[in-house]
């Protein structure tokens, strides 16, 4: 017996199941301006971004330009340095990029 719409005889597409959450730590949504600072051969670079969420050891930032995975950066606000981070992924999202940061420093958890 075939699955499908009995009136058209076509098979139905399987229902999309939600992706399981494999994260170890809860993410907390935020909306805060941050500055990502790092050094390359051509000199010191700074890029502003918007922190979208934070977890115990990480942060997701939306920015206008990509940063290569593996890059070590400093994350700052207007008033403080939140700590060091390693770029884990940089994914295009429309005209911006979503940059996943691993931040083992204590200050990042107090953000």
PDB file of N, CA and C in Angstrom:
ATOM      1  N   UNK A   1       0.841  -1.173   0.000  1.00  0.00           N
ATOM      2  CA  UNK A   1       0.000   0.000   0.000  1.00  0.00           C
ATOM      3  C   UNK A   1       0.886   1.235   0.000  1.00  0.00           C
ATOM      4  N   UNK A   2       0.666   2.153  -0.909  1.00  0.00           N
ATOM      5  CA  UNK A   2       1.468   3.365  -1.034  1.00  0.00           C
ATOM      6  C   UNK A   2       0.888   4.459  -0.158  1.00  0.00           C
ATOM      7  N   UNK A   3       1.818   5.252   0.427  1.00  0.00           N
ATOM      8  CA  UNK A   3       1.392   6.424   1.174  1.00  0.00           C
ATOM      9  C   UNK A   3       1.068   7.519   0.183  1.00  0.00           C
ATOM     10  N   UNK A   4       0.142   8.362   0.539  1.00  0.00           N
ATOM     11  CA  UNK A   4      -0.080   9.467  -0.377  1.00  0.00           C
ATOM     12  C   UNK A   4      -1.471  10.011  -0.298  1.00  0.00           C
ATOM     13  N   UNK A   5      -1.705  10.904  -1.186  1.00  0.00           N
ATOM     14  CA  UNK A   5      -2.985  11.562  -1.294  1.00  0.00           C
ATOM     15  C   UNK A   5      -3.862  10.666  -2.162  1.00  0.00           C
ATOM     16  N   UNK A   6      -4.911  10.108  -1.571  1.00  0.00           N
ATOM     17  CA  UNK A   6      -5.739   9.139  -2.289  1.00  0.00           C
ATOM     18  C   UNK A   6      -6.465   9.759  -3.477  1.00  0.00           C
ATOM     19  N   UNK A   7      -6.709  11.061  -3.444  1.00  0.00           N
ATOM     20  CA  UNK A   7      -7.444  11.670  -4.545  1.00  0.00           C
ATOM     21  C   UNK A   7      -6.554  11.902  -5.761  1.00  0.00           C
ATOM     22  N   UNK A   8      -5.211  12.038  -5.557  1.00  0.00           N
ATOM     23  CA  UNK A   8      -4.325  12.279  -6.695  1.00  0.00           C
ATOM     24  C   UNK A   8      -3.418  11.100  -6.997  1.00  0.00           C
ATOM     25  N   UNK A   9      -3.303  10.172  -6.040  1.00  0.00           N
ATOM     26  CA  UNK A   9      -2.437   9.032  -6.233  1.00  0.00           C
ATOM     27  C   UNK A   9      -0.966   9.354  -6.053  1.00  0.00           C
ATOM     28  N   UNK A  10      -0.610  10.593  -5.585  1.00  0.00           N
ATOM     29  CA  UNK A  10       0.780  10.981  -5.399  1.00  0.00           C
ATOM     30  C   UNK A  10       1.215  10.699  -3.968  1.00  0.00           C
ATOM     31  N   UNK A  11       2.470  10.368  -3.818  1.00  0.00           N
ATOM     32  CA  UNK A  11       3.022  10.121  -2.488  1.00  0.00           C
ATOM     33  C   UNK A  11       3.202  11.440  -1.753  1.00  0.00           C
ATOM     34  N   UNK A  12       2.967  11.423  -0.467  1.00  0.00           N
ATOM     35  CA  UNK A  12       3.180  12.604   0.368  1.00  0.00           C
ATOM     36  C   UNK A  12       4.643  12.690   0.773  1.00  0.00           C
ATOM     37  N   UNK A  13       5.138  13.908   0.901  1.00  0.00           N
ATOM     38  CA  UNK A  13       6.500  14.110   1.379  1.00  0.00           C
ATOM     39  C   UNK A  13       6.536  13.793   2.871  1.00  0.00           C
ATOM     40  N   UNK A  14       7.623  13.188   3.350  1.00  0.00           N
ATOM     41  CA  UNK A  14       7.705  12.905   4.778  1.00  0.00           C
ATOM     42  C   UNK A  14       7.747  14.201   5.566  1.00  0.00           C
ATOM     43  N   UNK A  15       7.181  14.173   6.754  1.00  0.00           N
ATOM     44  CA  UNK A  15       7.163  15.356   7.612  1.00  0.00           C
ATOM     45  C   UNK A  15       8.579  15.655   8.083  1.00  0.00           C
ATOM     46  N   UNK A  16       8.922  16.940   8.119  1.00  0.00           N
ATOM     47  CA  UNK A  16      10.242  17.350   8.596  1.00  0.00           C
ATOM     48  C   UNK A  16      10.250  17.285  10.116  1.00  0.00           C
ATOM     49  N   UNK A  17      11.214  16.573  10.668  1.00  0.00           N
ATOM     50  CA  UNK A  17      11.337  16.469  12.113  1.00  0.00           C
ATOM     51  C   UNK A  17      12.279  17.557  12.587  1.00  0.00           C
ATOM     52  N   UNK A  18      11.980  18.152  13.747  1.00  0.00           N
ATOM     53  CA  UNK A  18      12.894  19.178  14.245  1.00  0.00           C
ATOM     54  C   UNK A  18      14.259  18.582  14.565  1.00  0.00           C
ATOM     55  N   UNK A  19      15.299  19.380  14.326  1.00  0.00           N
ATOM     56  CA  UNK A  19      16.654  18.951  14.607  1.00  0.00           C
ATOM     57  C   UNK A  19      16.848  18.805  16.107  1.00  0.00           C
ATOM     58  N   UNK A  20      17.445  17.729  16.567  1.00  0.00           N
ATOM     59  CA  UNK A  20      17.663  17.594  18.008  1.00  0.00           C
ATOM     60  C   UNK A  20      18.690  18.605  18.494  1.00  0.00           C
ATOM     61  N   UNK A  21      18.504  19.117  19.697  1.00  0.00           N
ATOM     62  CA  UNK A  21      19.444  20.067  20.288  1.00  0.00           C
ATOM     63  C   UNK A  21      20.555  19.274  20.957  1.00  0.00           C
ATOM     64  N   UNK A  22      21.743  19.335  20.392  1.00  0.00           N
ATOM     65  CA  UNK A  22      22.876  18.592  20.927  1.00  0.00           C
ATOM     66  C   UNK A  22      23.786  19.471  21.769  1.00  0.00           C
ATOM     67  N   UNK A  23      23.369  20.684  22.055  1.00  0.00           N
ATOM     68  CA  UNK A  23      24.203  21.604  22.820  1.00  0.00           C
ATOM     69  C   UNK A  23      24.273  21.170  24.285  1.00  0.00           C
ATOM     70  N   UNK A  24      25.442  21.370  24.872  1.00  0.00           N
ATOM     71  CA  UNK A  24      25.629  21.016  26.276  1.00  0.00           C
ATOM     72  C   UNK A  24      25.083  22.084  27.218  1.00  0.00           C
ATOM     73  N   UNK A  25      25.042  23.338  26.746  1.00  0.00           N
ATOM     74  CA  UNK A  25      24.640  24.455  27.602  1.00  0.00           C
ATOM     75  C   UNK A  25      23.540  25.265  26.927  1.00  0.00           C
ATOM     76  N   UNK A  26      22.613  25.723  27.738  1.00  0.00           N
ATOM     77  CA  UNK A  26      21.488  26.515  27.244  1.00  0.00           C
ATOM     78  C   UNK A  26      21.987  27.823  26.635  1.00  0.00           C
ATOM     79  N   UNK A  27      21.347  28.241  25.550  1.00  0.00           N
ATOM     80  CA  UNK A  27      21.642  29.536  24.937  1.00  0.00           C
ATOM     81  C   UNK A  27      20.621  30.552  25.419  1.00  0.00           C
ATOM     82  N   UNK A  28      21.109  31.745  25.737  1.00  0.00           N
ATOM     83  CA  UNK A  28      20.251  32.821  26.202  1.00  0.00           C
ATOM     84  C   UNK A  28      20.253  33.911  25.131  1.00  0.00           C
ATOM     85  N   UNK A  29      19.070  34.252  24.595  1.00  0.00           N
ATOM     86  CA  UNK A  29      19.026  35.303  23.571  1.00  0.00           C
ATOM     87  C   UNK A  29      19.422  36.666  24.144  1.00  0.00           C
ATOM     88  N   UNK A  30      20.202  37.416  23.374  1.00  0.00           N
ATOM     89  CA  UNK A  30      20.564  38.790  23.742  1.00  0.00           C
ATOM     90  C   UNK A  30      20.584  39.617  22.461  1.00  0.00           C
ATOM     91  N   UNK A  31      20.717  40.904  22.617  1.00  0.00           N
ATOM     92  CA  UNK A  31      20.851  41.809  21.478  1.00  0.00           C
ATOM     93  C   UNK A  31      21.786  42.915  21.941  1.00  0.00           C
ATOM     94  N   UNK A  32      23.092  42.723  21.691  1.00  0.00           N
ATOM     95  CA  UNK A  32      24.073  43.649  22.233  1.00  0.00           C
ATOM     96  C   UNK A  32      25.192  43.889  21.229  1.00  0.00           C
ATOM     97  N   UNK A  33      25.583  45.124  21.073  1.00  0.00           N
ATOM     98  CA  UNK A  33      26.692  45.499  20.194  1.00  0.00           C
ATOM     99  C   UNK A  33      28.000  44.968  20.775  1.00  0.00           C
ATOM    100  N   UNK A  34      28.805  44.314  19.948  1.00  0.00           N
ATOM    101  CA  UNK A  34      30.129  43.848  20.354  1.00  0.00           C
ATOM    102  C   UNK A  34      31.134  44.221  19.269  1.00  0.00           C
ATOM    103  N   UNK A  35      32.396  44.174  19.650  1.00  0.00           N
ATOM    104  CA  UNK A  35      33.495  44.433  18.717  1.00  0.00           C
ATOM    105  C   UNK A  35      34.419  43.226  18.732  1.00  0.00           C
ATOM    106  N   UNK A  36      34.721  42.726  17.559  1.00  0.00           N
ATOM    107  CA  UNK A  36      35.593  41.576  17.399  1.00  0.00           C
ATOM    108  C   UNK A  36      36.941  42.097  16.909  1.00  0.00           C
ATOM    109  N   UNK A  37      38.000  41.820  17.659  1.00  0.00           N
ATOM    110  CA  UNK A  37      39.325  42.367  17.365  1.00  0.00           C
ATOM    111  C   UNK A  37      40.319  41.224  17.181  1.00  0.00           C
ATOM    112  N   UNK A  38      41.139  41.301  16.128  1.00  0.00           N
ATOM    113  CA  UNK A  38      42.143  40.276  15.891  1.00  0.00           C
ATOM    114  C   UNK A  38      43.266  40.838  15.045  1.00  0.00           C
ATOM    115  N   UNK A  39      44.342  40.074  14.952  1.00  0.00           N
ATOM    116  CA  UNK A  39      45.534  40.508  14.223  1.00  0.00           C
ATOM    117  C   UNK A  39      45.765  39.578  13.038  1.00  0.00           C
ATOM    118  N   UNK A  40      46.036  40.172  11.896  1.00  0.00           N
ATOM    119  CA  UNK A  40      46.437  39.435  10.699  1.00  0.00           C
ATOM    120  C   UNK A  40      47.749  40.017  10.206  1.00  0.00           C
ATOM    121  N   UNK A  41      48.325  39.430   9.161  1.00  0.00           N
ATOM    122  CA  UNK A  41      49.600  39.921   8.640  1.00  0.00           C
ATOM    123  C   UNK A  41      49.567  41.404   8.297  1.00  0.00           C
ATOM    124  N   UNK A  42      48.432  41.869   7.778  1.00  0.00           N
ATOM    125  CA  UNK A  42      48.338  43.266   7.367  1.00  0.00           C
ATOM    126  C   UNK A  42      48.082  44.221   8.530  1.00  0.00           C
ATOM    127  N   UNK A  43      47.903  43.689   9.743  1.00  0.00           N
ATOM    128  CA  UNK A  43      47.733  44.550  10.908  1.00  0.00           C
ATOM    129  C   UNK A  43      46.548  44.160  11.768  1.00  0.00           C
ATOM    130  N   UNK A  44      46.211  45.051  12.695  1.00  0.00           N
ATOM    131  CA  UNK A  44      45.102  44.821  13.613  1.00  0.00           C
ATOM    132  C   UNK A  44      43.778  45.130  12.913  1.00  0.00           C
ATOM    133  N   UNK A  45      42.783  44.264  13.146  1.00  0.00           N
ATOM    134  CA  UNK A  45      41.467  44.437  12.541  1.00  0.00           C
ATOM    135  C   UNK A  45      40.400  44.490  13.627  1.00  0.00           C
ATOM    136  N   UNK A  46      39.361  45.283  13.378  1.00  0.00           N
ATOM    137  CA  UNK A  46      38.220  45.389  14.286  1.00  0.00           C
ATOM    138  C   UNK A  46      36.959  45.352  13.442  1.00  0.00           C
ATOM    139  N   UNK A  47      36.000  44.557  13.883  1.00  0.00           N
ATOM    140  CA  UNK A  47      34.716  44.482  13.199  1.00  0.00           C
ATOM    141  C   UNK A  47      33.603  44.546  14.243  1.00  0.00           C
ATOM    142  N   UNK A  48      32.630  45.388  13.998  1.00  0.00           N
ATOM    143  CA  UNK A  48      31.492  45.431  14.916  1.00  0.00           C
ATOM    144  C   UNK A  48      30.511  44.334  14.530  1.00  0.00           C
ATOM    145  N   UNK A  49      29.732  43.922  15.505  1.00  0.00           N
ATOM    146  CA  UNK A  49      28.724  42.896  15.279  1.00  0.00           C
ATOM    147  C   UNK A  49      27.646  42.993  16.344  1.00  0.00           C
ATOM    148  N   UNK A  50      26.659  42.125  16.220  1.00  0.00           N
ATOM    149  CA  UNK A  50      25.559  42.094  17.189  1.00  0.00           C
ATOM    150  C   UNK A  50      25.516  40.701  17.793  1.00  0.00           C
ATOM    151  N   UNK A  51      25.714  40.630  19.111  1.00  0.00           N
ATOM    152  CA  UNK A  51      25.606  39.346  19.800  1.00  0.00           C
ATOM    153  C   UNK A  51      24.138  38.929  19.785  1.00  0.00           C
ATOM    154  N   UNK A  52      23.878  37.722  19.312  1.00  0.00           N
ATOM    155  CA  UNK A  52      22.515  37.199  19.191  1.00  0.00           C
ATOM    156  C   UNK A  52      22.150  36.330  20.382  1.00  0.00           C
ATOM    157  N   UNK A  53      23.107  35.504  20.807  1.00  0.00           N
ATOM    158  CA  UNK A  53      22.875  34.691  22.001  1.00  0.00           C
ATOM    159  C   UNK A  53      24.202  34.318  22.637  1.00  0.00           C
ATOM    160  N   UNK A  54      24.130  33.919  23.913  1.00  0.00           N
ATOM    161  CA  UNK A  54      25.307  33.478  24.653  1.00  0.00           C
ATOM    162  C   UNK A  54      24.976  32.188  25.382  1.00  0.00           C
ATOM    163  N   UNK A  55      26.012  31.423  25.648  1.00  0.00           N
ATOM    164  CA  UNK A  55      25.876  30.226  26.468  1.00  0.00           C
ATOM    165  C   UNK A  55      27.039  30.239  27.454  1.00  0.00           C
ATOM    166  N   UNK A  56      27.160  29.202  28.228  1.00  0.00           N
ATOM    167  CA  UNK A  56      28.197  29.145  29.251  1.00  0.00           C
ATOM    168  C   UNK A  56      29.593  29.335  28.658  1.00  0.00           C
ATOM    169  N   UNK A  57      29.839  28.771  27.484  1.00  0.00           N
ATOM    170  CA  UNK A  57      31.163  28.855  26.887  1.00  0.00           C
ATOM    171  C   UNK A  57      31.169  29.389  25.464  1.00  0.00           C
ATOM    172  N   UNK A  58      30.123  30.122  25.053  1.00  0.00           N
ATOM    173  CA  UNK A  58      30.131  30.594  23.683  1.00  0.00           C
ATOM    174  C   UNK A  58      29.212  31.761  23.430  1.00  0.00           C
ATOM    175  N   UNK A  59      29.271  32.237  22.197  1.00  0.00           N
ATOM    176  CA  UNK A  59      28.458  33.372  21.765  1.00  0.00           C
ATOM    177  C   UNK A  59      28.228  33.252  20.263  1.00  0.00           C
ATOM    178  N   UNK A  60      27.047  33.649  19.819  1.00  0.00           N
ATOM    179  CA  UNK A  60      26.759  33.740  18.392  1.00  0.00           C
ATOM    180  C   UNK A  60      26.639  35.209  18.051  1.00  0.00           C
ATOM    181  N   UNK A  61      27.421  35.640  17.061  1.00  0.00           N
ATOM    182  CA  UNK A  61      27.473  37.042  16.661  1.00  0.00           C
ATOM    183  C   UNK A  61      27.081  37.150  15.196  1.00  0.00           C
ATOM    184  N   UNK A  62      26.297  38.156  14.870  1.00  0.00           N
ATOM    185  CA  UNK A  62      25.958  38.465  13.482  1.00  0.00           C
ATOM    186  C   UNK A  62      26.817  39.653  13.057  1.00  0.00           C
ATOM    187  N   UNK A  63      27.526  39.511  11.924  1.00  0.00           N
ATOM    188  CA  UNK A  63      28.434  40.562  11.460  1.00  0.00           C
ATOM    189  C   UNK A  63      28.334  40.719   9.952  1.00  0.00           C
ATOM    190  N   UNK A  64      28.849  41.852   9.463  1.00  0.00           N
ATOM    191  CA  UNK A  64      28.789  42.164   8.033  1.00  0.00           C
ATOM    192  C   UNK A  64      29.821  41.410   7.198  1.00  0.00           C
ATOM    193  N   UNK A  65      30.952  41.043   7.805  1.00  0.00           N
ATOM    194  CA  UNK A  65      32.029  40.390   7.066  1.00  0.00           C
ATOM    195  C   UNK A  65      32.418  39.092   7.756  1.00  0.00           C
ATOM    196  N   UNK A  66      32.923  38.140   6.984  1.00  0.00           N
ATOM    197  CA  UNK A  66      33.313  36.859   7.582  1.00  0.00           C
ATOM    198  C   UNK A  66      34.634  36.955   8.338  1.00  0.00           C
ATOM    199  N   UNK A  67      34.810  36.041   9.279  1.00  0.00           N
ATOM    200  CA  UNK A  67      36.087  35.829   9.960  1.00  0.00           C
ATOM    201  C   UNK A  67      36.367  34.333   9.847  1.00  0.00           C
ATOM    202  N   UNK A  68      37.562  33.991   9.454  1.00  0.00           N
ATOM    203  CA  UNK A  68      37.911  32.593   9.199  1.00  0.00           C
ATOM    204  C   UNK A  68      37.839  31.746  10.466  1.00  0.00           C
ATOM    205  N   UNK A  69      37.242  30.556  10.372  1.00  0.00           N
ATOM    206  CA  UNK A  69      37.261  29.630  11.504  1.00  0.00           C
ATOM    207  C   UNK A  69      38.704  29.357  11.937  1.00  0.00           C
ATOM    208  N   UNK A  70      38.889  29.254  13.252  1.00  0.00           N
ATOM    209  CA  UNK A  70      40.219  29.054  13.816  1.00  0.00           C
ATOM    210  C   UNK A  70      40.891  30.343  14.248  1.00  0.00           C
ATOM    211  N   UNK A  71      40.355  31.488  13.818  1.00  0.00           N
ATOM    212  CA  UNK A  71      40.929  32.778  14.197  1.00  0.00           C
ATOM    213  C   UNK A  71      40.691  33.034  15.677  1.00  0.00           C
ATOM    214  N   UNK A  72      41.738  33.461  16.389  1.00  0.00           N
ATOM    215  CA  UNK A  72      41.607  33.851  17.789  1.00  0.00           C
ATOM    216  C   UNK A  72      41.319  35.342  17.830  1.00  0.00           C
ATOM    217  N   UNK A  73      40.263  35.715  18.542  1.00  0.00           N
ATOM    218  CA  UNK A  73      39.846  37.117  18.597  1.00  0.00           C
ATOM    219  C   UNK A  73      39.636  37.550  20.040  1.00  0.00           C
ATOM    220  N   UNK A  74      39.530  38.846  20.233  1.00  0.00           N
ATOM    221  CA  UNK A  74      39.128  39.437  21.500  1.00  0.00           C
ATOM    222  C   UNK A  74      37.729  40.004  21.289  1.00  0.00           C
ATOM    223  N   UNK A  75      36.826  39.750  22.243  1.00  0.00           N
ATOM    224  CA  UNK A  75      35.453  40.254  22.149  1.00  0.00           C
ATOM    225  C   UNK A  75      35.298  41.370  23.167  1.00  0.00           C
ATOM    226  N   UNK A  76      34.821  42.532  22.696  1.00  0.00           N
ATOM    227  CA  UNK A  76      34.706  43.700  23.555  1.00  0.00           C
ATOM    228  C   UNK A  76      33.344  44.359  23.380  1.00  0.00           C
ATOM    229  N   UNK A  77      32.947  45.117  24.405  1.00  0.00           N
ATOM    230  CA  UNK A  77      31.804  46.025  24.294  1.00  0.00           C
ATOM    231  C   UNK A  77      32.379  47.433  24.369  1.00  0.00           C
ATOM    232  N   UNK A  78      31.520  48.439  24.399  1.00  0.00           N
ATOM    233  CA  UNK A  78      32.003  49.815  24.547  1.00  0.00           C
ATOM    234  C   UNK A  78      32.729  50.019  25.861  1.00  0.00           C
ATOM    235  N   UNK A  79      32.365  49.243  26.882  1.00  0.00           N
ATOM    236  CA  UNK A  79      32.892  49.499  28.216  1.00  0.00           C
ATOM    237  C   UNK A  79      33.839  48.436  28.767  1.00  0.00           C
ATOM    238  N   UNK A  80      33.913  47.251  28.171  1.00  0.00           N
ATOM    239  CA  UNK A  80      34.733  46.193  28.758  1.00  0.00           C
ATOM    240  C   UNK A  80      35.177  45.160  27.724  1.00  0.00           C
ATOM    241  N   UNK A  81      36.230  44.440  28.075  1.00  0.00           N
ATOM    242  CA  UNK A  81      36.666  43.290  27.281  1.00  0.00           C
ATOM    243  C   UNK A  81      36.012  42.057  27.879  1.00  0.00           C
ATOM    244  N   UNK A  82      35.298  41.309  27.054  1.00  0.00           N
ATOM    245  CA  UNK A  82      34.604  40.116  27.536  1.00  0.00           C
ATOM    246  C   UNK A  82      35.517  38.905  27.580  1.00  0.00           C
ATOM    247  N   UNK A  83      36.566  38.896  26.775  1.00  0.00           N
ATOM    248  CA  UNK A  83      37.513  37.795  26.797  1.00  0.00           C
ATOM    249  C   UNK A  83      37.946  37.377  25.413  1.00  0.00           C
ATOM    250  N   UNK A  84      38.774  36.344  25.388  1.00  0.00           N
ATOM    251  CA  UNK A  84      39.262  35.772  24.137  1.00  0.00           C
ATOM    252  C   UNK A  84      38.275  34.747  23.622  1.00  0.00           C
ATOM    253  N   UNK A  85      38.293  34.554  22.321  1.00  0.00           N
ATOM    254  CA  UNK A  85      37.399  33.576  21.692  1.00  0.00           C
ATOM    255  C   UNK A  85      38.099  32.970  20.490  1.00  0.00           C
ATOM    256  N   UNK A  86      37.637  31.792  20.125  1.00  0.00           N
ATOM    257  CA  UNK A  86      38.083  31.136  18.899  1.00  0.00           C
ATOM    258  C   UNK A  86      36.870  31.016  17.980  1.00  0.00           C
ATOM    259  N   UNK A  87      37.021  31.444  16.737  1.00  0.00           N
ATOM    260  CA  UNK A  87      35.925  31.334  15.770  1.00  0.00           C
ATOM    261  C   UNK A  87      35.758  29.856  15.419  1.00  0.00           C
ATOM    262  N   UNK A  88      34.580  29.294  15.726  1.00  0.00           N
ATOM    263  CA  UNK A  88      34.291  27.885  15.432  1.00  0.00           C
ATOM    264  C   UNK A  88      33.665  27.720  14.057  1.00  0.00           C
ATOM    265  N   UNK A  89      32.779  28.662  13.691  1.00  0.00           N
ATOM    266  CA  UNK A  89      32.178  28.615  12.360  1.00  0.00           C
ATOM    267  C   UNK A  89      31.808  30.022  11.936  1.00  0.00           C
ATOM    268  N   UNK A  90      31.703  30.197  10.636  1.00  0.00           N
ATOM    269  CA  UNK A  90      31.270  31.470  10.060  1.00  0.00           C
ATOM    270  C   UNK A  90      30.368  31.108   8.889  1.00  0.00           C
ATOM    271  N   UNK A  91      29.067  31.340   9.063  1.00  0.00           N
ATOM    272  CA  UNK A  91      28.066  30.875   8.120  1.00  0.00           C
ATOM    273  C   UNK A  91      27.335  32.040   7.483  1.00  0.00           C
ATOM    274  N   UNK A  92      27.266  32.100   6.138  1.00  0.00           N
ATOM    275  CA  UNK A  92      26.487  33.157   5.502  1.00  0.00           C
ATOM    276  C   UNK A  92      25.025  33.086   5.944  1.00  0.00           C
ATOM    277  N   UNK A  93      24.435  34.256   6.198  1.00  0.00           N
ATOM    278  CA  UNK A  93      23.033  34.356   6.598  1.00  0.00           C
ATOM    279  C   UNK A  93      22.459  35.603   5.935  1.00  0.00           C
ATOM    280  N   UNK A  94      21.886  35.433   4.758  1.00  0.00           N
ATOM    281  CA  UNK A  94      21.438  36.589   3.987  1.00  0.00           C
ATOM    282  C   UNK A  94      22.658  37.379   3.540  1.00  0.00           C
ATOM    283  N   UNK A  95      22.667  38.680   3.818  1.00  0.00           N
ATOM    284  CA  UNK A  95      23.822  39.506   3.449  1.00  0.00           C
ATOM    285  C   UNK A  95      24.831  39.615   4.590  1.00  0.00           C
ATOM    286  N   UNK A  96      24.583  38.945   5.699  1.00  0.00           N
ATOM    287  CA  UNK A  96      25.472  38.978   6.856  1.00  0.00           C
ATOM    288  C   UNK A  96      26.052  37.594   7.106  1.00  0.00           C
ATOM    289  N   UNK A  97      26.815  37.482   8.184  1.00  0.00           N
ATOM    290  CA  UNK A  97      27.423  36.211   8.578  1.00  0.00           C
ATOM    291  C   UNK A  97      27.117  35.942  10.044  1.00  0.00           C
ATOM    292  N   UNK A  98      26.843  34.687  10.353  1.00  0.00           N
ATOM    293  CA  UNK A  98      26.669  34.263  11.743  1.00  0.00           C
ATOM    294  C   UNK A  98      27.978  33.597  12.151  1.00  0.00           C
ATOM    295  N   UNK A  99      28.587  34.155  13.180  1.00  0.00           N
ATOM    296  CA  UNK A  99      29.902  33.713  13.631  1.00  0.00           C
ATOM    297  C   UNK A  99      29.760  33.070  15.000  1.00  0.00           C
ATOM    298  N   UNK A 100      30.065  31.782  15.071  1.00  0.00           N
ATOM    299  CA  UNK A 100      30.000  31.045  16.322  1.00  0.00           C
ATOM    300  C   UNK A 100      31.339  31.110  17.024  1.00  0.00           C
ATOM    301  N   UNK A 101      31.328  31.550  18.279  1.00  0.00           N
ATOM    302  CA  UNK A 101      32.549  31.732  19.050  1.00  0.00           C
ATOM    303  C   UNK A 101      32.597  30.789  20.244  1.00  0.00           C
ATOM    304  N   UNK A 102      33.750  30.188  20.479  1.00  0.00           N
ATOM    305  CA  UNK A 102      33.991  29.431  21.702  1.00  0.00           C
ATOM    306  C   UNK A 102      34.745  30.362  22.630  1.00  0.00           C
ATOM    307  N   UNK A 103      34.157  30.616  23.817  1.00  0.00           N
ATOM    308  CA  UNK A 103      34.729  31.575  24.765  1.00  0.00           C
ATOM    309  C   UNK A 103      34.881  30.921  26.133  1.00  0.00           C
ATOM    310  N   UNK A 104      36.018  30.329  26.417  1.00  0.00           N
ATOM    311  CA  UNK A 104      36.186  29.668  27.707  1.00  0.00           C
ATOM    312  C   UNK A 104      36.420  30.620  28.880  1.00  0.00           C
ATOM    313  N   UNK A 105      36.650  31.909  28.610  1.00  0.00           N
ATOM    314  CA  UNK A 105      36.911  32.877  29.688  1.00  0.00           C
ATOM    315  C   UNK A 105      35.689  33.098  30.569  1.00  0.00           C
ATOM    316  N   UNK A 106      35.901  33.312  31.822  1.00  0.00           N
ATOM    317  CA  UNK A 106      34.822  33.529  32.795  1.00  0.00           C
ATOM    318  C   UNK A 106      33.980  34.769  32.476  1.00  0.00           C
ATOM    319  N   UNK A 107      34.587  35.864  32.029  1.00  0.00           N
ATOM    320  CA  UNK A 107      33.839  37.094  31.787  1.00  0.00           C
ATOM    321  C   UNK A 107      32.731  36.915  30.758  1.00  0.00           C
ATOM    322  N   UNK A 108      32.937  36.058  29.787  1.00  0.00           N
ATOM    323  CA  UNK A 108      31.932  35.880  28.750  1.00  0.00           C
ATOM    324  C   UNK A 108      30.655  35.277  29.311  1.00  0.00           C
ATOM    325  N   UNK A 109      30.762  34.493  30.384  1.00  0.00           N
ATOM    326  CA  UNK A 109      29.577  33.885  30.971  1.00  0.00           C
ATOM    327  C   UNK A 109      28.797  34.897  31.800  1.00  0.00           C
ATOM    328  N   UNK A 110      29.424  36.004  32.177  1.00  0.00           N
ATOM    329  CA  UNK A 110      28.755  37.032  32.970  1.00  0.00           C
ATOM    330  C   UNK A 110      28.169  38.145  32.119  1.00  0.00           C
ATOM    331  N   UNK A 111      28.205  38.013  30.809  1.00  0.00           N
ATOM    332  CA  UNK A 111      27.775  39.036  29.852  1.00  0.00           C
ATOM    333  C   UNK A 111      26.338  39.363  29.993  1.00  0.00           C
TER     334      UNK A 111
END
